[in-house]
């Protein structure tokens, strides 16, 4: 499994960029409220082809970038879909 490293948050294009250890650029692009698709990108940052998200380790966007509007939405999506937790924070028990 490849590790993704946070690279850039692009609020205008609703994208969050990551790089793997070989410096290949990937992005999560918002495709609707609370929905993100995962792409391998060109070096210019344009989505090139869908990538298999299950082949990568990644996490929440942190630091100053984590405060950006699109990052907050991504982090919520990540927590619901990928965080290892026994309790879903979106459900009331």
N, C-alpha and C. Protein backbone atom coordinates (compact mmCIF):
# COMPACT_ATOMS: atom_id res chain seq x y z
N UNK A 1 0.85 -1.17 0.00
CA UNK A 1 0.00 0.00 0.00
C UNK A 1 0.90 1.24 0.00
N UNK A 2 0.61 2.18 -0.88
CA UNK A 2 1.40 3.40 -0.99
C UNK A 2 0.91 4.45 0.01
N UNK A 3 1.87 5.21 0.53
CA UNK A 3 1.55 6.29 1.46
C UNK A 3 1.38 7.59 0.69
N UNK A 4 0.29 8.32 0.96
CA UNK A 4 0.08 9.64 0.37
C UNK A 4 0.46 10.71 1.38
N UNK A 5 1.08 11.78 0.87
CA UNK A 5 1.50 12.90 1.70
C UNK A 5 0.77 14.15 1.23
N UNK A 6 0.19 14.86 2.16
CA UNK A 6 -0.53 16.10 1.87
C UNK A 6 0.35 17.06 1.09
N UNK A 7 -0.21 17.66 0.03
CA UNK A 7 0.58 18.56 -0.80
C UNK A 7 -0.02 19.97 -0.87
N UNK A 8 -1.30 20.09 -1.27
CA UNK A 8 -1.89 21.40 -1.52
C UNK A 8 -3.40 21.31 -1.43
N UNK A 9 -4.03 22.36 -0.96
CA UNK A 9 -5.49 22.49 -0.94
C UNK A 9 -5.86 23.58 -1.93
N UNK A 10 -6.77 23.24 -2.85
CA UNK A 10 -7.22 24.18 -3.88
C UNK A 10 -8.73 24.38 -3.70
N UNK A 11 -9.10 25.40 -2.93
CA UNK A 11 -10.52 25.69 -2.68
C UNK A 11 -11.26 26.02 -3.96
N UNK A 12 -10.63 26.78 -4.86
CA UNK A 12 -11.31 27.23 -6.08
C UNK A 12 -11.76 26.07 -6.96
N UNK A 13 -10.93 25.03 -7.08
CA UNK A 13 -11.27 23.88 -7.91
C UNK A 13 -11.78 22.69 -7.10
N UNK A 14 -11.99 22.90 -5.80
CA UNK A 14 -12.50 21.86 -4.90
C UNK A 14 -11.64 20.59 -4.95
N UNK A 15 -10.32 20.79 -4.86
CA UNK A 15 -9.39 19.66 -4.92
C UNK A 15 -8.41 19.71 -3.75
N UNK A 16 -8.02 18.51 -3.31
CA UNK A 16 -6.97 18.35 -2.31
C UNK A 16 -5.92 17.46 -2.93
N UNK A 17 -4.71 17.97 -3.01
CA UNK A 17 -3.62 17.26 -3.68
C UNK A 17 -2.73 16.54 -2.69
N UNK A 18 -2.29 15.37 -3.10
CA UNK A 18 -1.36 14.54 -2.33
C UNK A 18 -0.31 13.99 -3.28
N UNK A 19 0.84 13.63 -2.74
CA UNK A 19 1.89 12.96 -3.52
C UNK A 19 2.26 11.67 -2.81
N UNK A 20 2.64 10.67 -3.64
CA UNK A 20 3.15 9.44 -3.04
C UNK A 20 4.67 9.55 -2.92
N UNK A 21 5.31 8.50 -2.45
CA UNK A 21 6.76 8.53 -2.23
C UNK A 21 7.55 8.70 -3.52
N UNK A 22 6.97 8.35 -4.66
CA UNK A 22 7.63 8.55 -5.97
C UNK A 22 7.32 9.92 -6.56
N UNK A 23 6.63 10.78 -5.79
CA UNK A 23 6.29 12.15 -6.17
C UNK A 23 5.19 12.22 -7.24
N UNK A 24 4.44 11.12 -7.44
CA UNK A 24 3.30 11.15 -8.35
C UNK A 24 2.19 11.96 -7.67
N UNK A 25 1.55 12.83 -8.44
CA UNK A 25 0.52 13.72 -7.91
C UNK A 25 -0.86 13.08 -8.03
N UNK A 26 -1.63 13.16 -6.96
CA UNK A 26 -3.01 12.66 -6.91
C UNK A 26 -3.89 13.75 -6.32
N UNK A 27 -5.19 13.65 -6.58
CA UNK A 27 -6.10 14.58 -5.92
C UNK A 27 -7.41 13.90 -5.58
N UNK A 28 -8.03 14.43 -4.53
CA UNK A 28 -9.42 14.14 -4.22
C UNK A 28 -10.18 15.36 -4.69
N UNK A 29 -11.15 15.13 -5.57
CA UNK A 29 -11.94 16.24 -6.10
C UNK A 29 -13.38 16.09 -5.62
N UNK A 30 -13.92 17.19 -5.13
CA UNK A 30 -15.31 17.19 -4.68
C UNK A 30 -16.23 16.99 -5.88
N UNK A 31 -17.12 15.99 -5.76
CA UNK A 31 -18.04 15.67 -6.85
C UNK A 31 -19.49 15.87 -6.45
N UNK A 32 -19.71 16.53 -5.37
CA UNK A 32 -21.05 16.78 -4.83
C UNK A 32 -20.91 16.96 -3.34
N UNK A 33 -21.94 17.44 -2.73
CA UNK A 33 -21.86 17.71 -1.28
C UNK A 33 -21.48 16.43 -0.53
N UNK A 34 -20.34 16.48 0.14
CA UNK A 34 -19.88 15.36 0.93
C UNK A 34 -19.39 14.17 0.14
N UNK A 35 -19.09 14.33 -1.14
CA UNK A 35 -18.62 13.23 -1.99
C UNK A 35 -17.33 13.63 -2.68
N UNK A 36 -16.34 12.75 -2.67
CA UNK A 36 -15.05 12.99 -3.30
C UNK A 36 -14.66 11.82 -4.17
N UNK A 37 -14.04 12.12 -5.30
CA UNK A 37 -13.47 11.11 -6.20
C UNK A 37 -11.96 11.26 -6.16
N UNK A 38 -11.25 10.15 -6.40
CA UNK A 38 -9.80 10.10 -6.31
C UNK A 38 -9.20 9.93 -7.70
N UNK A 39 -8.24 10.80 -8.05
CA UNK A 39 -7.63 10.81 -9.38
C UNK A 39 -6.11 10.85 -9.31
N UNK A 40 -5.46 10.21 -10.28
CA UNK A 40 -4.07 10.50 -10.56
C UNK A 40 -4.08 11.75 -11.43
N UNK A 41 -3.11 12.64 -11.23
CA UNK A 41 -3.12 13.94 -11.91
C UNK A 41 -1.89 14.14 -12.78
N UNK A 42 -2.02 15.07 -13.70
CA UNK A 42 -0.86 15.54 -14.46
C UNK A 42 0.00 16.38 -13.52
N UNK A 43 1.20 16.69 -13.92
CA UNK A 43 2.07 17.54 -13.09
C UNK A 43 1.49 18.94 -12.92
N UNK A 44 0.61 19.34 -13.83
CA UNK A 44 -0.04 20.65 -13.73
C UNK A 44 -1.23 20.62 -12.77
N UNK A 45 -1.59 19.41 -12.26
CA UNK A 45 -2.66 19.30 -11.29
C UNK A 45 -4.02 18.98 -11.86
N UNK A 46 -4.09 18.66 -13.14
CA UNK A 46 -5.38 18.30 -13.74
C UNK A 46 -5.64 16.80 -13.57
N UNK A 47 -6.85 16.42 -13.14
CA UNK A 47 -7.17 15.01 -13.01
C UNK A 47 -6.99 14.29 -14.35
N UNK A 48 -6.30 13.16 -14.30
CA UNK A 48 -5.97 12.40 -15.50
C UNK A 48 -6.82 11.15 -15.61
N UNK A 49 -6.89 10.36 -14.53
CA UNK A 49 -7.64 9.11 -14.53
C UNK A 49 -8.00 8.76 -13.09
N UNK A 50 -9.13 8.07 -12.94
CA UNK A 50 -9.50 7.59 -11.61
C UNK A 50 -8.41 6.66 -11.10
N UNK A 51 -8.14 6.71 -9.82
CA UNK A 51 -7.17 5.84 -9.16
C UNK A 51 -7.90 5.04 -8.09
N UNK A 52 -7.34 3.89 -7.72
CA UNK A 52 -7.93 3.01 -6.73
C UNK A 52 -7.57 3.49 -5.32
N UNK A 53 -8.49 4.13 -4.66
CA UNK A 53 -8.23 4.71 -3.34
C UNK A 53 -7.85 3.64 -2.32
N UNK A 54 -8.28 2.41 -2.54
CA UNK A 54 -7.98 1.32 -1.59
C UNK A 54 -6.51 0.92 -1.61
N UNK A 55 -5.75 1.39 -2.58
CA UNK A 55 -4.33 1.06 -2.70
C UNK A 55 -3.43 2.04 -1.96
N UNK A 56 -4.02 3.01 -1.25
CA UNK A 56 -3.25 4.08 -0.64
C UNK A 56 -3.60 4.26 0.83
N UNK A 57 -2.60 4.68 1.59
CA UNK A 57 -2.80 5.15 2.96
C UNK A 57 -2.84 6.67 2.91
N UNK A 58 -3.83 7.25 3.56
CA UNK A 58 -3.93 8.71 3.62
C UNK A 58 -4.76 9.06 4.83
N UNK A 59 -4.77 10.32 5.17
CA UNK A 59 -5.52 10.74 6.35
C UNK A 59 -6.12 12.11 6.17
N UNK A 60 -6.55 12.66 7.28
CA UNK A 60 -7.13 14.00 7.28
C UNK A 60 -6.11 15.05 6.84
N UNK A 61 -6.61 16.13 6.30
CA UNK A 61 -5.77 17.29 5.99
C UNK A 61 -5.52 18.02 7.31
N UNK A 62 -4.26 18.31 7.58
CA UNK A 62 -3.89 18.89 8.87
C UNK A 62 -3.26 20.27 8.68
N UNK A 63 -2.92 20.87 9.80
CA UNK A 63 -2.24 22.16 9.79
C UNK A 63 -3.14 23.27 9.31
N UNK A 64 -2.52 24.31 8.83
CA UNK A 64 -3.23 25.50 8.34
C UNK A 64 -4.18 25.13 7.18
N UNK A 65 -3.75 24.20 6.30
CA UNK A 65 -4.60 23.78 5.18
C UNK A 65 -5.89 23.13 5.65
N UNK A 66 -5.86 22.50 6.83
CA UNK A 66 -7.03 21.84 7.36
C UNK A 66 -8.17 22.79 7.70
N UNK A 67 -7.90 24.08 7.73
CA UNK A 67 -8.92 25.08 8.02
C UNK A 67 -9.67 25.55 6.78
N UNK A 68 -9.15 25.22 5.59
CA UNK A 68 -9.79 25.64 4.34
C UNK A 68 -11.14 24.94 4.20
N UNK A 69 -12.09 25.63 3.61
CA UNK A 69 -13.46 25.11 3.46
C UNK A 69 -13.49 23.70 2.87
N UNK A 70 -12.78 23.48 1.77
CA UNK A 70 -12.81 22.18 1.11
C UNK A 70 -12.13 21.11 1.96
N UNK A 71 -11.12 21.50 2.73
CA UNK A 71 -10.43 20.55 3.61
C UNK A 71 -11.33 20.11 4.75
N UNK A 72 -12.09 21.02 5.30
CA UNK A 72 -13.03 20.68 6.37
C UNK A 72 -14.03 19.65 5.86
N UNK A 73 -14.57 19.88 4.67
CA UNK A 73 -15.53 18.95 4.08
C UNK A 73 -14.87 17.59 3.79
N UNK A 74 -13.64 17.62 3.27
CA UNK A 74 -12.90 16.38 3.01
C UNK A 74 -12.67 15.61 4.30
N UNK A 75 -12.25 16.29 5.36
CA UNK A 75 -12.00 15.63 6.63
C UNK A 75 -13.26 14.97 7.18
N UNK A 76 -14.40 15.61 7.03
CA UNK A 76 -15.66 15.01 7.46
C UNK A 76 -15.95 13.76 6.64
N UNK A 77 -15.76 13.84 5.31
CA UNK A 77 -15.96 12.69 4.43
C UNK A 77 -15.01 11.55 4.78
N UNK A 78 -13.74 11.89 5.03
CA UNK A 78 -12.75 10.88 5.39
C UNK A 78 -13.15 10.18 6.69
N UNK A 79 -13.55 10.95 7.70
CA UNK A 79 -13.91 10.37 8.99
C UNK A 79 -15.08 9.40 8.87
N UNK A 80 -16.05 9.71 8.03
CA UNK A 80 -17.21 8.84 7.85
C UNK A 80 -16.84 7.59 7.05
N UNK A 81 -15.99 7.73 6.05
CA UNK A 81 -15.73 6.64 5.11
C UNK A 81 -14.48 5.81 5.38
N UNK A 82 -13.47 6.37 6.03
CA UNK A 82 -12.20 5.67 6.14
C UNK A 82 -11.62 5.58 7.54
N UNK A 83 -12.01 6.45 8.44
CA UNK A 83 -11.44 6.42 9.79
C UNK A 83 -11.86 5.13 10.49
N UNK A 84 -10.93 4.52 11.18
CA UNK A 84 -11.22 3.29 11.91
C UNK A 84 -11.83 3.65 13.25
N UNK A 85 -13.13 3.48 13.32
CA UNK A 85 -13.86 3.89 14.51
C UNK A 85 -15.10 3.01 14.63
N UNK A 86 -15.46 2.65 15.84
CA UNK A 86 -16.65 1.82 16.06
C UNK A 86 -17.93 2.64 16.08
N UNK A 87 -17.80 3.96 16.21
CA UNK A 87 -18.97 4.82 16.32
C UNK A 87 -18.98 5.80 15.15
N UNK A 88 -20.07 5.85 14.42
CA UNK A 88 -20.21 6.81 13.33
C UNK A 88 -20.75 8.11 13.92
N UNK A 89 -19.95 9.20 13.85
CA UNK A 89 -20.39 10.45 14.47
C UNK A 89 -21.61 11.07 13.81
N UNK A 90 -21.97 10.65 12.60
CA UNK A 90 -23.12 11.21 11.91
C UNK A 90 -24.44 10.55 12.31
N UNK A 91 -24.35 9.44 13.03
CA UNK A 91 -25.56 8.75 13.46
C UNK A 91 -25.84 9.07 14.92
N UNK A 92 -27.13 9.16 15.26
CA UNK A 92 -27.45 9.33 16.68
C UNK A 92 -27.84 7.96 17.21
N UNK A 93 -27.26 7.60 18.32
CA UNK A 93 -27.48 6.26 18.90
C UNK A 93 -28.46 6.32 20.03
